[in-house]
Amino acid sequence: MGNKLIRAAMLAPVGLSLLLTGCGGMNVNVWPFGGEKARDLTPANSTEYQCKGNKRFYVRNLDNGSAVWLIYPDRQVRLDKIDSATGAQYSNGIATLTINGDETMLADGPAVAYSECKAAGK
């Protein structure tokens, strides 16, 4: 009985490693930024904006245009529509998205983070 327990204890790590190596080949790309399939993974009901410096982000309209969901490469935030004389403007007090015809700009904090942005396909 003692030999069987010792043998089972010695073989357990081998069996576990064999099971885990089967999972190592999985490569699931579910984030819409980077990689070969980035264009195939555009978030549903969103518009991709391509900007100077090869930067990009996505915008999804919410609440009949009274807010947008801004999808950065590393995070997502809600921006509410604010009064503006220069096109549609959305902000959360830190980030501000300005859409004025074909010109779009996204400032995140005091510096403009994304400039000369155009909706993809336009």
PDB file of N, CA and C in Angstrom:
ATOM      1  N   MET A   1       0.827  -1.192   0.000  1.00  0.00           N
ATOM      2  CA  MET A   1       0.000   0.000   0.000  1.00  0.00           C
ATOM      3  C   MET A   1       0.867   1.249   0.000  1.00  0.00           C
ATOM      4  N   GLY A   2       1.944   1.254   0.771  1.00  0.00           N
ATOM      5  CA  GLY A   2       2.842   2.396   0.855  1.00  0.00           C
ATOM      6  C   GLY A   2       3.502   2.696  -0.473  1.00  0.00           C
ATOM      7  N   ASN A   3       3.897   1.635  -1.236  1.00  0.00           N
ATOM      8  CA  ASN A   3       4.529   1.844  -2.533  1.00  0.00           C
ATOM      9  C   ASN A   3       3.556   2.465  -3.527  1.00  0.00           C
ATOM     10  N   LYS A   4       2.288   2.088  -3.460  1.00  0.00           N
ATOM     11  CA  LYS A   4       1.287   2.647  -4.373  1.00  0.00           C
ATOM     12  C   LYS A   4       1.088   4.137  -4.121  1.00  0.00           C
ATOM     13  N   LEU A   5       1.066   4.541  -2.860  1.00  0.00           N
ATOM     14  CA  LEU A   5       0.916   5.963  -2.530  1.00  0.00           C
ATOM     15  C   LEU A   5       2.125   6.765  -2.989  1.00  0.00           C
ATOM     16  N   ILE A   6       3.306   6.230  -2.804  1.00  0.00           N
ATOM     17  CA  ILE A   6       4.528   6.920  -3.229  1.00  0.00           C
ATOM     18  C   ILE A   6       4.544   7.061  -4.743  1.00  0.00           C
ATOM     19  N   ARG A   7       4.190   5.980  -5.442  1.00  0.00           N
ATOM     20  CA  ARG A   7       4.168   6.010  -6.901  1.00  0.00           C
ATOM     21  C   ARG A   7       3.126   7.015  -7.413  1.00  0.00           C
ATOM     22  N   ALA A   8       1.960   7.044  -6.809  1.00  0.00           N
ATOM     23  CA  ALA A   8       0.908   7.985  -7.206  1.00  0.00           C
ATOM     24  C   ALA A   8       1.348   9.423  -6.950  1.00  0.00           C
ATOM     25  N   ALA A   9       2.023   9.657  -5.830  1.00  0.00           N
ATOM     26  CA  ALA A   9       2.501  10.998  -5.507  1.00  0.00           C
ATOM     27  C   ALA A   9       3.579  11.450  -6.493  1.00  0.00           C
ATOM     28  N   MET A  10       4.391  10.526  -6.972  1.00  0.00           N
ATOM     29  CA  MET A  10       5.445  10.862  -7.929  1.00  0.00           C
ATOM     30  C   MET A  10       4.867  11.112  -9.321  1.00  0.00           C
ATOM     31  N   LEU A  11       3.796  10.404  -9.684  1.00  0.00           N
ATOM     32  CA  LEU A  11       3.213  10.531 -11.015  1.00  0.00           C
ATOM     33  C   LEU A  11       2.234  11.707 -11.125  1.00  0.00           C
ATOM     34  N   ALA A  12       1.728  12.192 -10.012  1.00  0.00           N
ATOM     35  CA  ALA A  12       0.742  13.276 -10.044  1.00  0.00           C
ATOM     36  C   ALA A  12       1.277  14.529 -10.736  1.00  0.00           C
ATOM     37  N   PRO A  13       2.485  15.007 -10.431  1.00  0.00           N
ATOM     38  CA  PRO A  13       2.991  16.193 -11.135  1.00  0.00           C
ATOM     39  C   PRO A  13       3.163  15.961 -12.640  1.00  0.00           C
ATOM     40  N   VAL A  14       3.547  14.746 -13.017  1.00  0.00           N
ATOM     41  CA  VAL A  14       3.705  14.437 -14.441  1.00  0.00           C
ATOM     42  C   VAL A  14       2.354  14.513 -15.143  1.00  0.00           C
ATOM     43  N   GLY A  15       1.351  13.925 -14.552  1.00  0.00           N
ATOM     44  CA  GLY A  15       0.006  13.964 -15.142  1.00  0.00           C
ATOM     45  C   GLY A  15      -0.534  15.383 -15.220  1.00  0.00           C
ATOM     46  N   LEU A  16      -0.316  16.158 -14.186  1.00  0.00           N
ATOM     47  CA  LEU A  16      -0.768  17.542 -14.169  1.00  0.00           C
ATOM     48  C   LEU A  16      -0.072  18.358 -15.254  1.00  0.00           C
ATOM     49  N   SER A  17       1.230  18.167 -15.408  1.00  0.00           N
ATOM     50  CA  SER A  17       1.950  18.923 -16.440  1.00  0.00           C
ATOM     51  C   SER A  17       1.487  18.533 -17.835  1.00  0.00           C
ATOM     52  N   LEU A  18       1.146  17.279 -18.062  1.00  0.00           N
ATOM     53  CA  LEU A  18       0.624  16.861 -19.361  1.00  0.00           C
ATOM     54  C   LEU A  18      -0.728  17.514 -19.646  1.00  0.00           C
ATOM     55  N   LEU A  19      -1.563  17.623 -18.634  1.00  0.00           N
ATOM     56  CA  LEU A  19      -2.853  18.282 -18.814  1.00  0.00           C
ATOM     57  C   LEU A  19      -2.684  19.759 -19.135  1.00  0.00           C
ATOM     58  N   LEU A  20      -1.780  20.431 -18.457  1.00  0.00           N
ATOM     59  CA  LEU A  20      -1.586  21.857 -18.649  1.00  0.00           C
ATOM     60  C   LEU A  20      -0.907  22.193 -19.974  1.00  0.00           C
ATOM     61  N   THR A  21      -0.062  21.330 -20.495  1.00  0.00           N
ATOM     62  CA  THR A  21       0.582  21.618 -21.772  1.00  0.00           C
ATOM     63  C   THR A  21      -0.434  21.631 -22.899  1.00  0.00           C
ATOM     64  N   GLY A  22      -1.511  20.924 -22.768  1.00  0.00           N
ATOM     65  CA  GLY A  22      -2.568  20.967 -23.779  1.00  0.00           C
ATOM     66  C   GLY A  22      -3.249  22.322 -23.827  1.00  0.00           C
ATOM     67  N   CYS A  23      -3.237  23.059 -22.735  1.00  0.00           N
ATOM     68  CA  CYS A  23      -3.855  24.388 -22.683  1.00  0.00           C
ATOM     69  C   CYS A  23      -2.904  25.477 -23.146  1.00  0.00           C
ATOM     70  N   GLY A  24      -1.626  25.208 -23.202  1.00  0.00           N
ATOM     71  CA  GLY A  24      -0.636  26.218 -23.519  1.00  0.00           C
ATOM     72  C   GLY A  24      -0.715  26.747 -24.934  1.00  0.00           C
ATOM     73  N   GLY A  25      -1.295  26.008 -25.844  1.00  0.00           N
ATOM     74  CA  GLY A  25      -1.363  26.445 -27.225  1.00  0.00           C
ATOM     75  C   GLY A  25      -2.520  27.364 -27.537  1.00  0.00           C
ATOM     76  N   MET A  26      -3.371  27.629 -26.572  1.00  0.00           N
ATOM     77  CA  MET A  26      -4.527  28.488 -26.817  1.00  0.00           C
ATOM     78  C   MET A  26      -4.091  29.941 -26.867  1.00  0.00           C
ATOM     79  N   ASN A  27      -4.500  30.645 -27.915  1.00  0.00           N
ATOM     80  CA  ASN A  27      -4.208  32.069 -28.045  1.00  0.00           C
ATOM     81  C   ASN A  27      -5.509  32.754 -28.409  1.00  0.00           C
ATOM     82  N   VAL A  28      -6.180  33.306 -27.427  1.00  0.00           N
ATOM     83  CA  VAL A  28      -7.466  33.948 -27.645  1.00  0.00           C
ATOM     84  C   VAL A  28      -7.263  35.453 -27.624  1.00  0.00           C
ATOM     85  N   ASN A  29      -7.542  36.107 -28.741  1.00  0.00           N
ATOM     86  CA  ASN A  29      -7.374  37.550 -28.856  1.00  0.00           C
ATOM     87  C   ASN A  29      -8.765  38.182 -28.829  1.00  0.00           C
ATOM     88  N   VAL A  30      -9.162  38.698 -27.667  1.00  0.00           N
ATOM     89  CA  VAL A  30     -10.496  39.271 -27.539  1.00  0.00           C
ATOM     90  C   VAL A  30     -10.474  40.789 -27.411  1.00  0.00           C
ATOM     91  N   TRP A  31      -9.311  41.402 -27.378  1.00  0.00           N
ATOM     92  CA  TRP A  31      -9.210  42.850 -27.263  1.00  0.00           C
ATOM     93  C   TRP A  31      -9.060  43.449 -28.649  1.00  0.00           C
ATOM     94  N   PRO A  32      -9.771  44.512 -28.964  1.00  0.00           N
ATOM     95  CA  PRO A  32      -9.784  45.032 -30.332  1.00  0.00           C
ATOM     96  C   PRO A  32      -8.541  45.803 -30.750  1.00  0.00           C
ATOM     97  N   PHE A  33      -7.512  45.872 -29.927  1.00  0.00           N
ATOM     98  CA  PHE A  33      -6.327  46.633 -30.269  1.00  0.00           C
ATOM     99  C   PHE A  33      -5.141  45.705 -30.420  1.00  0.00           C
ATOM    100  N   GLY A  34      -4.378  45.905 -31.473  1.00  0.00           N
ATOM    101  CA  GLY A  34      -3.167  45.123 -31.700  1.00  0.00           C
ATOM    102  C   GLY A  34      -3.467  43.764 -32.290  1.00  0.00           C
ATOM    103  N   GLY A  35      -2.432  43.105 -32.738  1.00  0.00           N
ATOM    104  CA  GLY A  35      -2.592  41.784 -33.314  1.00  0.00           C
ATOM    105  C   GLY A  35      -3.099  41.832 -34.739  1.00  0.00           C
ATOM    106  N   GLU A  36      -3.101  40.707 -35.390  1.00  0.00           N
ATOM    107  CA  GLU A  36      -3.491  40.623 -36.793  1.00  0.00           C
ATOM    108  C   GLU A  36      -4.989  40.782 -37.006  1.00  0.00           C
ATOM    109  N   LYS A  37      -5.798  40.404 -36.039  1.00  0.00           N
ATOM    110  CA  LYS A  37      -7.239  40.397 -36.235  1.00  0.00           C
ATOM    111  C   LYS A  37      -7.932  41.581 -35.584  1.00  0.00           C
ATOM    112  N   ALA A  38      -7.216  42.672 -35.384  1.00  0.00           N
ATOM    113  CA  ALA A  38      -7.793  43.824 -34.683  1.00  0.00           C
ATOM    114  C   ALA A  38      -9.038  44.341 -35.396  1.00  0.00           C
ATOM    115  N   ARG A  39      -9.055  44.409 -36.699  1.00  0.00           N
ATOM    116  CA  ARG A  39     -10.199  44.929 -37.436  1.00  0.00           C
ATOM    117  C   ARG A  39     -11.409  44.008 -37.323  1.00  0.00           C
ATOM    118  N   ASP A  40     -11.181  42.724 -37.142  1.00  0.00           N
ATOM    119  CA  ASP A  40     -12.281  41.778 -37.030  1.00  0.00           C
ATOM    120  C   ASP A  40     -12.976  41.871 -35.679  1.00  0.00           C
ATOM    121  N   LEU A  41     -12.349  42.530 -34.713  1.00  0.00           N
ATOM    122  CA  LEU A  41     -12.868  42.535 -33.350  1.00  0.00           C
ATOM    123  C   LEU A  41     -13.355  43.910 -32.907  1.00  0.00           C
ATOM    124  N   THR A  42     -13.849  44.723 -33.846  1.00  0.00           N
ATOM    125  CA  THR A  42     -14.394  46.022 -33.491  1.00  0.00           C
ATOM    126  C   THR A  42     -15.561  45.820 -32.534  1.00  0.00           C
ATOM    127  N   PRO A  43     -15.567  46.537 -31.410  1.00  0.00           N
ATOM    128  CA  PRO A  43     -16.687  46.385 -30.471  1.00  0.00           C
ATOM    129  C   PRO A  43     -18.024  46.673 -31.163  1.00  0.00           C
ATOM    130  N   ALA A  44     -19.024  45.904 -30.820  1.00  0.00           N
ATOM    131  CA  ALA A  44     -20.346  46.028 -31.442  1.00  0.00           C
ATOM    132  C   ALA A  44     -20.895  47.444 -31.289  1.00  0.00           C
ATOM    133  N   ASN A  45     -21.554  47.931 -32.341  1.00  0.00           N
ATOM    134  CA  ASN A  45     -22.214  49.244 -32.343  1.00  0.00           C
ATOM    135  C   ASN A  45     -21.264  50.390 -32.015  1.00  0.00           C
ATOM    136  N   SER A  46     -20.026  50.293 -32.466  1.00  0.00           N
ATOM    137  CA  SER A  46     -19.072  51.361 -32.186  1.00  0.00           C
ATOM    138  C   SER A  46     -18.430  51.849 -33.481  1.00  0.00           C
ATOM    139  N   THR A  47     -17.826  53.024 -33.385  1.00  0.00           N
ATOM    140  CA  THR A  47     -17.102  53.619 -34.508  1.00  0.00           C
ATOM    141  C   THR A  47     -15.634  53.680 -34.137  1.00  0.00           C
ATOM    142  N   GLU A  48     -14.792  53.228 -35.040  1.00  0.00           N
ATOM    143  CA  GLU A  48     -13.355  53.291 -34.807  1.00  0.00           C
ATOM    144  C   GLU A  48     -12.840  54.637 -35.301  1.00  0.00           C
ATOM    145  N   TYR A  49     -12.008  55.285 -34.498  1.00  0.00           N
ATOM    146  CA  TYR A  49     -11.353  56.528 -34.882  1.00  0.00           C
ATOM    147  C   TYR A  49      -9.856  56.271 -34.984  1.00  0.00           C
ATOM    148  N   GLN A  50      -9.284  56.663 -36.115  1.00  0.00           N
ATOM    149  CA  GLN A  50      -7.843  56.540 -36.340  1.00  0.00           C
ATOM    150  C   GLN A  50      -7.250  57.935 -36.296  1.00  0.00           C
ATOM    151  N   CYS A  51      -6.163  58.090 -35.548  1.00  0.00           N
ATOM    152  CA  CYS A  51      -5.602  59.408 -35.282  1.00  0.00           C
ATOM    153  C   CYS A  51      -4.138  59.493 -35.680  1.00  0.00           C
ATOM    154  N   LYS A  52      -3.633  60.709 -35.600  1.00  0.00           N
ATOM    155  CA  LYS A  52      -2.222  60.972 -35.872  1.00  0.00           C
ATOM    156  C   LYS A  52      -1.362  60.090 -34.966  1.00  0.00           C
ATOM    157  N   GLY A  53      -0.255  59.602 -35.508  1.00  0.00           N
ATOM    158  CA  GLY A  53       0.624  58.740 -34.720  1.00  0.00           C
ATOM    159  C   GLY A  53       0.136  57.310 -34.644  1.00  0.00           C
ATOM    160  N   ASN A  54      -0.774  56.924 -35.531  1.00  0.00           N
ATOM    161  CA  ASN A  54      -1.328  55.566 -35.577  1.00  0.00           C
ATOM    162  C   ASN A  54      -2.052  55.181 -34.280  1.00  0.00           C
ATOM    163  N   LYS A  55      -2.572  56.179 -33.585  1.00  0.00           N
ATOM    164  CA  LYS A  55      -3.362  55.920 -32.385  1.00  0.00           C
ATOM    165  C   LYS A  55      -4.803  55.687 -32.804  1.00  0.00           C
ATOM    166  N   ARG A  56      -5.535  54.939 -32.000  1.00  0.00           N
ATOM    167  CA  ARG A  56      -6.956  54.729 -32.293  1.00  0.00           C
ATOM    168  C   ARG A  56      -7.741  54.450 -31.017  1.00  0.00           C
ATOM    169  N   PHE A  57      -9.029  54.677 -31.136  1.00  0.00           N
ATOM    170  CA  PHE A  57      -9.967  54.399 -30.057  1.00  0.00           C
ATOM    171  C   PHE A  57     -11.317  54.129 -30.697  1.00  0.00           C
ATOM    172  N   TYR A  58     -12.263  53.652 -29.900  1.00  0.00           N
ATOM    173  CA  TYR A  58     -13.612  53.352 -30.372  1.00  0.00           C
ATOM    174  C   TYR A  58     -14.617  54.154 -29.553  1.00  0.00           C
ATOM    175  N   VAL A  59     -15.727  54.510 -30.199  1.00  0.00           N
ATOM    176  CA  VAL A  59     -16.791  55.253 -29.521  1.00  0.00           C
ATOM    177  C   VAL A  59     -18.115  54.563 -29.819  1.00  0.00           C
ATOM    178  N   ARG A  60     -18.886  54.328 -28.764  1.00  0.00           N
ATOM    179  CA  ARG A  60     -20.225  53.753 -28.889  1.00  0.00           C
ATOM    180  C   ARG A  60     -21.207  54.769 -28.319  1.00  0.00           C
ATOM    181  N   ASN A  61     -22.219  55.148 -29.100  1.00  0.00           N
ATOM    182  CA  ASN A  61     -23.232  56.094 -28.629  1.00  0.00           C
ATOM    183  C   ASN A  61     -24.146  55.428 -27.613  1.00  0.00           C
ATOM    184  N   LEU A  62     -24.507  56.193 -26.583  1.00  0.00           N
ATOM    185  CA  LEU A  62     -25.403  55.719 -25.524  1.00  0.00           C
ATOM    186  C   LEU A  62     -26.552  56.695 -25.345  1.00  0.00           C
ATOM    187  N   ASP A  63     -27.648  56.230 -24.840  1.00  0.00           N
ATOM    188  CA  ASP A  63     -28.782  57.073 -24.432  1.00  0.00           C
ATOM    189  C   ASP A  63     -29.171  58.088 -25.501  1.00  0.00           C
ATOM    190  N   ASN A  64     -29.354  57.615 -26.726  1.00  0.00           N
ATOM    191  CA  ASN A  64     -29.766  58.479 -27.851  1.00  0.00           C
ATOM    192  C   ASN A  64     -28.845  59.682 -28.051  1.00  0.00           C
ATOM    193  N   GLY A  65     -27.546  59.497 -27.836  1.00  0.00           N
ATOM    194  CA  GLY A  65     -26.587  60.565 -28.080  1.00  0.00           C
ATOM    195  C   GLY A  65     -26.277  61.445 -26.888  1.00  0.00           C
ATOM    196  N   SER A  66     -26.892  61.192 -25.741  1.00  0.00           N
ATOM    197  CA  SER A  66     -26.614  62.034 -24.575  1.00  0.00           C
ATOM    198  C   SER A  66     -25.336  61.618 -23.847  1.00  0.00           C
ATOM    199  N   ALA A  67     -24.741  60.513 -24.288  1.00  0.00           N
ATOM    200  CA  ALA A  67     -23.481  60.036 -23.713  1.00  0.00           C
ATOM    201  C   ALA A  67     -22.811  59.113 -24.730  1.00  0.00           C
ATOM    202  N   VAL A  68     -21.524  58.863 -24.516  1.00  0.00           N
ATOM    203  CA  VAL A  68     -20.791  57.888 -25.327  1.00  0.00           C
ATOM    204  C   VAL A  68     -19.977  56.992 -24.403  1.00  0.00           C
ATOM    205  N   TRP A  69     -19.675  55.810 -24.902  1.00  0.00           N
ATOM    206  CA  TRP A  69     -18.788  54.881 -24.218  1.00  0.00           C
ATOM    207  C   TRP A  69     -17.488  54.912 -25.000  1.00  0.00           C
ATOM    208  N   LEU A  70     -16.421  55.402 -24.378  1.00  0.00           N
ATOM    209  CA  LEU A  70     -15.123  55.563 -25.014  1.00  0.00           C
ATOM    210  C   LEU A  70     -14.275  54.338 -24.688  1.00  0.00           C
ATOM    211  N   ILE A  71     -13.785  53.670 -25.727  1.00  0.00           N
ATOM    212  CA  ILE A  71     -13.013  52.446 -25.551  1.00  0.00           C
ATOM    213  C   ILE A  71     -11.570  52.721 -25.973  1.00  0.00           C
ATOM    214  N   TYR A  72     -10.709  52.884 -24.969  1.00  0.00           N
ATOM    215  CA  TYR A  72      -9.269  53.073 -25.177  1.00  0.00           C
ATOM    216  C   TYR A  72      -8.615  51.700 -25.370  1.00  0.00           C
ATOM    217  N   PRO A  73      -7.333  51.687 -25.744  1.00  0.00           N
ATOM    218  CA  PRO A  73      -6.632  50.402 -25.809  1.00  0.00           C
ATOM    219  C   PRO A  73      -6.512  49.715 -24.453  1.00  0.00           C
ATOM    220  N   ASP A  74      -6.514  50.492 -23.352  1.00  0.00           N
ATOM    221  CA  ASP A  74      -6.287  49.879 -22.048  1.00  0.00           C
ATOM    222  C   ASP A  74      -7.415  50.066 -21.028  1.00  0.00           C
ATOM    223  N   ARG A  75      -8.472  50.778 -21.402  1.00  0.00           N
ATOM    224  CA  ARG A  75      -9.585  50.981 -20.464  1.00  0.00           C
ATOM    225  C   ARG A  75     -10.800  51.521 -21.208  1.00  0.00           C
ATOM    226  N   GLN A  76     -11.926  51.583 -20.496  1.00  0.00           N
ATOM    227  CA  GLN A  76     -13.169  52.093 -21.069  1.00  0.00           C
ATOM    228  C   GLN A  76     -13.795  53.067 -20.078  1.00  0.00           C
ATOM    229  N   VAL A  77     -14.373  54.172 -20.613  1.00  0.00           N
ATOM    230  CA  VAL A  77     -15.007  55.167 -19.748  1.00  0.00           C
ATOM    231  C   VAL A  77     -16.268  55.711 -20.408  1.00  0.00           C
ATOM    232  N   ARG A  78     -17.170  56.208 -19.588  1.00  0.00           N
ATOM    233  CA  ARG A  78     -18.375  56.880 -20.076  1.00  0.00           C
ATOM    234  C   ARG A  78     -18.125  58.380 -20.073  1.00  0.00           C
ATOM    235  N   LEU A  79     -18.536  59.027 -21.168  1.00  0.00           N
ATOM    236  CA  LEU A  79     -18.456  60.476 -21.266  1.00  0.00           C
ATOM    237  C   LEU A  79     -19.861  61.006 -21.527  1.00  0.00           C
ATOM    238  N   ASP A  80     -20.284  62.007 -20.766  1.00  0.00           N
ATOM    239  CA  ASP A  80     -21.608  62.606 -20.943  1.00  0.00           C
ATOM    240  C   ASP A  80     -21.513  63.833 -21.834  1.00  0.00           C
ATOM    241  N   LYS A  81     -22.569  64.085 -22.608  1.00  0.00           N
ATOM    242  CA  LYS A  81     -22.599  65.228 -23.516  1.00  0.00           C
ATOM    243  C   LYS A  81     -22.623  66.513 -22.708  1.00  0.00           C
ATOM    244  N   ILE A  82     -21.821  67.483 -23.156  1.00  0.00           N
ATOM    245  CA  ILE A  82     -21.782  68.789 -22.499  1.00  0.00           C
ATOM    246  C   ILE A  82     -22.096  69.862 -23.540  1.00  0.00           C
ATOM    247  N   ASP A  83     -22.514  71.032 -23.084  1.00  0.00           N
ATOM    248  CA  ASP A  83     -22.808  72.141 -23.992  1.00  0.00           C
ATOM    249  C   ASP A  83     -21.522  72.582 -24.686  1.00  0.00           C
ATOM    250  N   SER A  84     -21.628  72.782 -26.007  1.00  0.00           N
ATOM    251  CA  SER A  84     -20.463  73.198 -26.777  1.00  0.00           C
ATOM    252  C   SER A  84     -20.895  73.945 -28.019  1.00  0.00           C
ATOM    253  N   ALA A  85     -20.159  74.988 -28.348  1.00  0.00           N
ATOM    254  CA  ALA A  85     -20.429  75.742 -29.568  1.00  0.00           C
ATOM    255  C   ALA A  85     -19.627  75.193 -30.743  1.00  0.00           C
ATOM    256  N   THR A  86     -18.763  74.219 -30.477  1.00  0.00           N
ATOM    257  CA  THR A  86     -17.899  73.673 -31.530  1.00  0.00           C
ATOM    258  C   THR A  86     -18.174  72.194 -31.778  1.00  0.00           C
ATOM    259  N   GLY A  87     -19.386  71.857 -32.140  1.00  0.00           N
ATOM    260  CA  GLY A  87     -19.726  70.463 -32.431  1.00  0.00           C
ATOM    261  C   GLY A  87     -20.158  69.710 -31.187  1.00  0.00           C
ATOM    262  N   ALA A  88     -20.218  68.391 -31.313  1.00  0.00           N
ATOM    263  CA  ALA A  88     -20.603  67.543 -30.183  1.00  0.00           C
ATOM    264  C   ALA A  88     -19.407  67.365 -29.267  1.00  0.00           C
ATOM    265  N   GLN A  89     -19.629  67.557 -27.974  1.00  0.00           N
ATOM    266  CA  GLN A  89     -18.546  67.420 -27.014  1.00  0.00           C
ATOM    267  C   GLN A  89     -19.027  66.583 -25.840  1.00  0.00           C
ATOM    268  N   TYR A  90     -18.186  65.646 -25.423  1.00  0.00           N
ATOM    269  CA  TYR A  90     -18.502  64.722 -24.337  1.00  0.00           C
ATOM    270  C   TYR A  90     -17.350  64.742 -23.347  1.00  0.00           C
ATOM    271  N   SER A  91     -17.677  64.661 -22.044  1.00  0.00           N
ATOM    272  CA  SER A  91     -16.619  64.703 -21.039  1.00  0.00           C
ATOM    273  C   SER A  91     -17.050  63.986 -19.766  1.00  0.00           C
ATOM    274  N   ASN A  92     -16.058  63.558 -18.993  1.00  0.00           N
ATOM    275  CA  ASN A  92     -16.293  63.026 -17.652  1.00  0.00           C
ATOM    276  C   ASN A  92     -15.544  63.865 -16.621  1.00  0.00           C
ATOM    277  N   GLY A  93     -15.082  65.060 -17.034  1.00  0.00           N
ATOM    278  CA  GLY A  93     -14.326  65.929 -16.148  1.00  0.00           C
ATOM    279  C   GLY A  93     -12.825  65.748 -16.297  1.00  0.00           C
ATOM    280  N   ILE A  94     -12.403  64.666 -16.910  1.00  0.00           N
ATOM    281  CA  ILE A  94     -10.973  64.421 -17.151  1.00  0.00           C
ATOM    282  C   ILE A  94     -10.717  64.313 -18.650  1.00  0.00           C
ATOM    283  N   ALA A  95     -11.406  63.376 -19.286  1.00  0.00           N
ATOM    284  CA  ALA A  95     -11.272  63.191 -20.735  1.00  0.00           C
ATOM    285  C   ALA A  95     -12.375  63.978 -21.438  1.00  0.00           C
ATOM    286  N   THR A  96     -12.033  64.567 -22.595  1.00  0.00           N
ATOM    287  CA  THR A  96     -13.015  65.303 -23.394  1.00  0.00           C
ATOM    288  C   THR A  96     -12.879  64.886 -24.849  1.00  0.00           C
ATOM    289  N   LEU A  97     -13.982  64.458 -25.420  1.00  0.00           N
ATOM    290  CA  LEU A  97     -14.054  64.067 -26.820  1.00  0.00           C
ATOM    291  C   LEU A  97     -14.832  65.138 -27.566  1.00  0.00           C
ATOM    292  N   THR A  98     -14.204  65.708 -28.620  1.00  0.00           N
ATOM    293  CA  THR A  98     -14.848  66.728 -29.436  1.00  0.00           C
ATOM    294  C   THR A  98     -14.986  66.200 -30.848  1.00  0.00           C
ATOM    295  N   ILE A  99     -16.234  66.145 -31.336  1.00  0.00           N
ATOM    296  CA  ILE A  99     -16.511  65.704 -32.703  1.00  0.00           C
ATOM    297  C   ILE A  99     -17.134  66.888 -33.422  1.00  0.00           C
ATOM    298  N   ASN A 100     -16.415  67.445 -34.392  1.00  0.00           N
ATOM    299  CA  ASN A 100     -16.873  68.613 -35.138  1.00  0.00           C
ATOM    300  C   ASN A 100     -16.767  68.278 -36.619  1.00  0.00           C
ATOM    301  N   GLY A 101     -17.839  67.746 -37.191  1.00  0.00           N
ATOM    302  CA  GLY A 101     -17.821  67.312 -38.577  1.00  0.00           C
ATOM    303  C   GLY A 101     -16.859  66.150 -38.747  1.00  0.00           C
ATOM    304  N   ASP A 102     -15.888  66.303 -39.651  1.00  0.00           N
ATOM    305  CA  ASP A 102     -14.889  65.255 -39.871  1.00  0.00           C
ATOM    306  C   ASP A 102     -13.696  65.374 -38.931  1.00  0.00           C
ATOM    307  N   GLU A 103     -13.640  66.441 -38.128  1.00  0.00           N
ATOM    308  CA  GLU A 103     -12.521  66.643 -37.212  1.00  0.00           C
ATOM    309  C   GLU A 103     -12.897  66.134 -35.828  1.00  0.00           C
ATOM    310  N   THR A 104     -12.090  65.224 -35.310  1.00  0.00           N
ATOM    311  CA  THR A 104     -12.327  64.676 -33.977  1.00  0.00           C
ATOM    312  C   THR A 104     -11.032  64.759 -33.189  1.00  0.00           C
ATOM    313  N   MET A 105     -11.159  65.122 -31.907  1.00  0.00           N
ATOM    314  CA  MET A 105     -10.010  65.250 -31.026  1.00  0.00           C
ATOM    315  C   MET A 105     -10.399  64.678 -29.667  1.00  0.00           C
ATOM    316  N   LEU A 106      -9.472  64.009 -29.040  1.00  0.00           N
ATOM    317  CA  LEU A 106      -9.694  63.447 -27.715  1.00  0.00           C
ATOM    318  C   LEU A 106      -8.589  63.927 -26.797  1.00  0.00           C
ATOM    319  N   ALA A 107      -8.949  64.707 -25.784  1.00  0.00           N
ATOM    320  CA  ALA A 107      -7.997  65.165 -24.774  1.00  0.00           C
ATOM    321  C   ALA A 107      -8.239  64.364 -23.508  1.00  0.00           C
ATOM    322  N   ASP A 108      -7.165  63.862 -22.936  1.00  0.00           N
ATOM    323  CA  ASP A 108      -7.280  63.098 -21.699  1.00  0.00           C
ATOM    324  C   ASP A 108      -6.365  63.763 -20.679  1.00  0.00           C
ATOM    325  N   GLY A 109      -6.953  64.617 -19.856  1.00  0.00           N
ATOM    326  CA  GLY A 109      -6.154  65.423 -18.950  1.00  0.00           C
ATOM    327  C   GLY A 109      -5.779  66.729 -19.639  1.00  0.00           C
ATOM    328  N   PRO A 110      -4.723  67.389 -19.198  1.00  0.00           N
ATOM    329  CA  PRO A 110      -4.371  68.698 -19.759  1.00  0.00           C
ATOM    330  C   PRO A 110      -3.781  68.644 -21.177  1.00  0.00           C
ATOM    331  N   ALA A 111      -3.284  67.509 -21.599  1.00  0.00           N
ATOM    332  CA  ALA A 111      -2.663  67.407 -22.935  1.00  0.00           C
ATOM    333  C   ALA A 111      -3.607  66.705 -23.907  1.00  0.00           C
ATOM    334  N   VAL A 112      -3.509  67.071 -25.166  1.00  0.00           N
ATOM    335  CA  VAL A 112      -4.296  66.384 -26.200  1.00  0.00           C
ATOM    336  C   VAL A 112      -3.634  65.040 -26.447  1.00  0.00           C
ATOM    337  N   ALA A 113      -4.346  63.977 -26.219  1.00  0.00           N
ATOM    338  CA  ALA A 113      -3.783  62.641 -26.374  1.00  0.00           C
ATOM    339  C   ALA A 113      -3.947  62.119 -27.796  1.00  0.00           C
ATOM    340  N   TYR A 114      -5.053  62.456 -28.437  1.00  0.00           N
ATOM    341  CA  TYR A 114      -5.352  61.964 -29.762  1.00  0.00           C
ATOM    342  C   TYR A 114      -5.773  63.156 -30.622  1.00  0.00           C
ATOM    343  N   SER A 115      -5.035  63.438 -31.704  1.00  0.00           N
ATOM    344  CA  SER A 115      -5.363  64.558 -32.570  1.00  0.00           C
ATOM    345  C   SER A 115      -5.489  64.089 -34.018  1.00  0.00           C
ATOM    346  N   GLU A 116      -6.125  64.935 -34.827  1.00  0.00           N
ATOM    347  CA  GLU A 116      -6.353  64.641 -36.246  1.00  0.00           C
ATOM    348  C   GLU A 116      -7.006  63.277 -36.450  1.00  0.00           C
ATOM    349  N   CYS A 117      -8.054  63.034 -35.686  1.00  0.00           N
ATOM    350  CA  CYS A 117      -8.746  61.740 -35.743  1.00  0.00           C
ATOM    351  C   CYS A 117      -9.846  61.770 -36.805  1.00  0.00           C
ATOM    352  N   LYS A 118      -9.997  60.651 -37.465  1.00  0.00           N
ATOM    353  CA  LYS A 118     -11.039  60.477 -38.475  1.00  0.00           C
ATOM    354  C   LYS A 118     -11.731  59.147 -38.221  1.00  0.00           C
ATOM    355  N   ALA A 119     -13.033  59.130 -38.431  1.00  0.00           N
ATOM    356  CA  ALA A 119     -13.759  57.873 -38.328  1.00  0.00           C
ATOM    357  C   ALA A 119     -13.251  56.934 -39.415  1.00  0.00           C
ATOM    358  N   ALA A 120     -12.979  55.705 -39.074  1.00  0.00           N
ATOM    359  CA  ALA A 120     -12.465  54.718 -40.029  1.00  0.00           C
ATOM    360  C   ALA A 120     -13.442  54.561 -41.176  1.00  0.00           C
ATOM    361  N   GLY A 121     -12.917  54.516 -42.366  1.00  0.00           N
ATOM    362  CA  GLY A 121     -13.757  54.383 -43.552  1.00  0.00           C
ATOM    363  C   GLY A 121     -14.198  55.703 -44.144  1.00  0.00           C
ATOM    364  N   LYS A 122     -13.814  56.808 -43.546  1.00  0.00           N
ATOM    365  CA  LYS A 122     -14.188  58.142 -44.075  1.00  0.00           C
ATOM    366  C   LYS A 122     -12.987  58.841 -44.622  1.00  0.00           C
TER     367      LYS A 122
END
